[in-house]
Amino acid sequence: SSDLPLAGGVVALGRKMVTTMLKNPSSPWFRVAVDETRDGAPGYYAIITHPMDLRTLRSTYLERAADPAPTVGDFLNDGRMMWQNAMTYNRS
């Protein structure tokens, strides 16, 4: 269920997923936060109001305790947000 706390074996699985994506040769655009100049993405932050990248996903959900504790749904929603942001920005 998506409202389960992100803990224990679920965190281990999440780490494995994010690590695999970070190592994927097709993932450079998603590894770190967008820099409008470095990445040639003018106006990115005017269009994208909830930026997300793999390292932020990892540090937010998989490397530290948070209060309130994040849920599996929180993790999945921010993961989806990363892809949605790419689609939204590149359509603009």
Protein backbone atom coordinates (compact mmCIF):
# COMPACT_ATOMS: atom_id res chain seq x y z
CA SER A 1 0.00 0.00 0.00
CA SER A 2 1.25 3.49 -0.78
CA ASP A 3 0.60 4.71 2.77
CA LEU A 4 3.08 2.24 4.28
CA PRO A 5 6.06 3.88 5.99
CA LEU A 6 9.22 3.93 3.94
CA ALA A 7 11.34 1.71 6.21
CA GLY A 8 13.37 -1.49 6.41
CA GLY A 9 13.39 -3.65 3.31
CA VAL A 10 11.44 -1.06 1.35
CA VAL A 11 14.26 1.46 1.87
CA ALA A 12 16.80 -1.14 0.71
CA LEU A 13 14.76 -1.76 -2.43
CA GLY A 14 14.42 1.97 -3.03
CA ARG A 15 18.19 2.43 -2.67
CA LYS A 16 18.80 -0.34 -5.18
CA MET A 17 16.35 1.21 -7.65
CA VAL A 18 17.84 4.70 -7.39
CA THR A 19 21.44 3.39 -7.54
CA THR A 20 20.60 1.39 -10.68
CA MET A 21 19.05 4.47 -12.29
CA LEU A 22 22.03 6.66 -11.33
CA LYS A 23 24.38 4.20 -13.03
CA ASN A 24 22.28 3.95 -16.19
CA PRO A 25 24.07 5.64 -19.10
CA SER A 26 20.76 7.26 -20.15
CA SER A 27 20.24 8.99 -16.79
CA PRO A 28 22.56 12.03 -16.77
CA TRP A 29 19.64 14.48 -17.12
CA PHE A 30 18.04 13.05 -14.00
CA ARG A 31 21.07 12.60 -11.71
CA VAL A 32 21.29 16.08 -10.18
CA ALA A 33 19.09 19.16 -9.94
CA VAL A 34 18.70 21.09 -13.18
CA ASP A 35 21.01 24.05 -13.62
CA GLU A 36 19.42 26.32 -16.21
CA THR A 37 22.80 27.45 -17.60
CA ARG A 38 24.79 24.21 -17.40
CA ASP A 39 21.94 22.15 -18.80
CA GLY A 40 20.76 24.64 -21.42
CA ALA A 41 17.32 24.78 -19.80
CA PRO A 42 16.32 28.45 -19.75
CA GLY A 43 13.21 29.20 -17.69
CA TYR A 44 13.14 25.72 -16.16
CA TYR A 45 12.23 26.95 -12.68
CA ALA A 46 9.56 29.28 -14.06
CA ILE A 47 7.84 26.24 -15.59
CA ILE A 48 8.67 23.53 -13.03
CA THR A 49 7.46 24.34 -9.52
CA HIS A 50 8.40 21.03 -7.84
CA PRO A 51 11.83 20.04 -9.22
CA MET A 52 13.09 16.53 -8.52
CA ASP A 53 16.18 14.52 -9.42
CA LEU A 54 17.62 11.14 -8.46
CA ARG A 55 20.08 12.43 -5.87
CA THR A 56 17.40 14.53 -4.18
CA LEU A 57 15.07 11.53 -4.21
CA ARG A 58 17.79 9.39 -2.64
CA SER A 59 18.77 11.93 0.02
CA THR A 60 15.19 12.88 0.90
CA TYR A 61 13.78 9.39 1.23
CA LEU A 62 16.60 6.91 1.58
CA GLU A 63 19.44 8.50 3.55
CA ARG A 64 17.92 10.32 6.50
CA ALA A 65 15.10 10.09 8.96
CA ALA A 66 12.32 12.55 8.35
CA ASP A 67 9.48 13.77 10.49
CA PRO A 68 6.88 12.86 9.59
CA ALA A 69 8.20 9.61 8.19
CA PRO A 70 7.74 9.48 4.42
CA THR A 71 5.59 6.79 2.90
CA VAL A 72 6.08 4.53 -0.08
CA GLY A 73 3.53 6.74 -1.86
CA ASP A 74 5.60 9.88 -1.16
CA PHE A 75 8.67 8.22 -2.68
CA LEU A 76 6.77 6.98 -5.73
CA ASN A 77 5.03 10.32 -6.27
CA ASP A 78 8.31 12.24 -6.27
CA GLY A 79 9.84 9.64 -8.59
CA ARG A 80 6.94 10.15 -10.99
CA MET A 81 7.30 13.91 -10.59
CA MET A 82 10.84 13.70 -11.96
CA TRP A 83 9.57 12.14 -15.20
CA GLN A 84 6.55 14.44 -15.38
CA ASN A 85 8.79 17.49 -15.01
CA ALA A 86 10.88 16.34 -17.97
CA MET A 87 7.77 15.86 -20.09
CA THR A 88 6.29 19.22 -19.02
CA TYR A 89 9.46 21.23 -19.61
CA ASN A 90 10.27 19.63 -22.94
CA ARG A 91 6.73 20.22 -24.22
CA SER A 92 6.94 23.95 -23.43
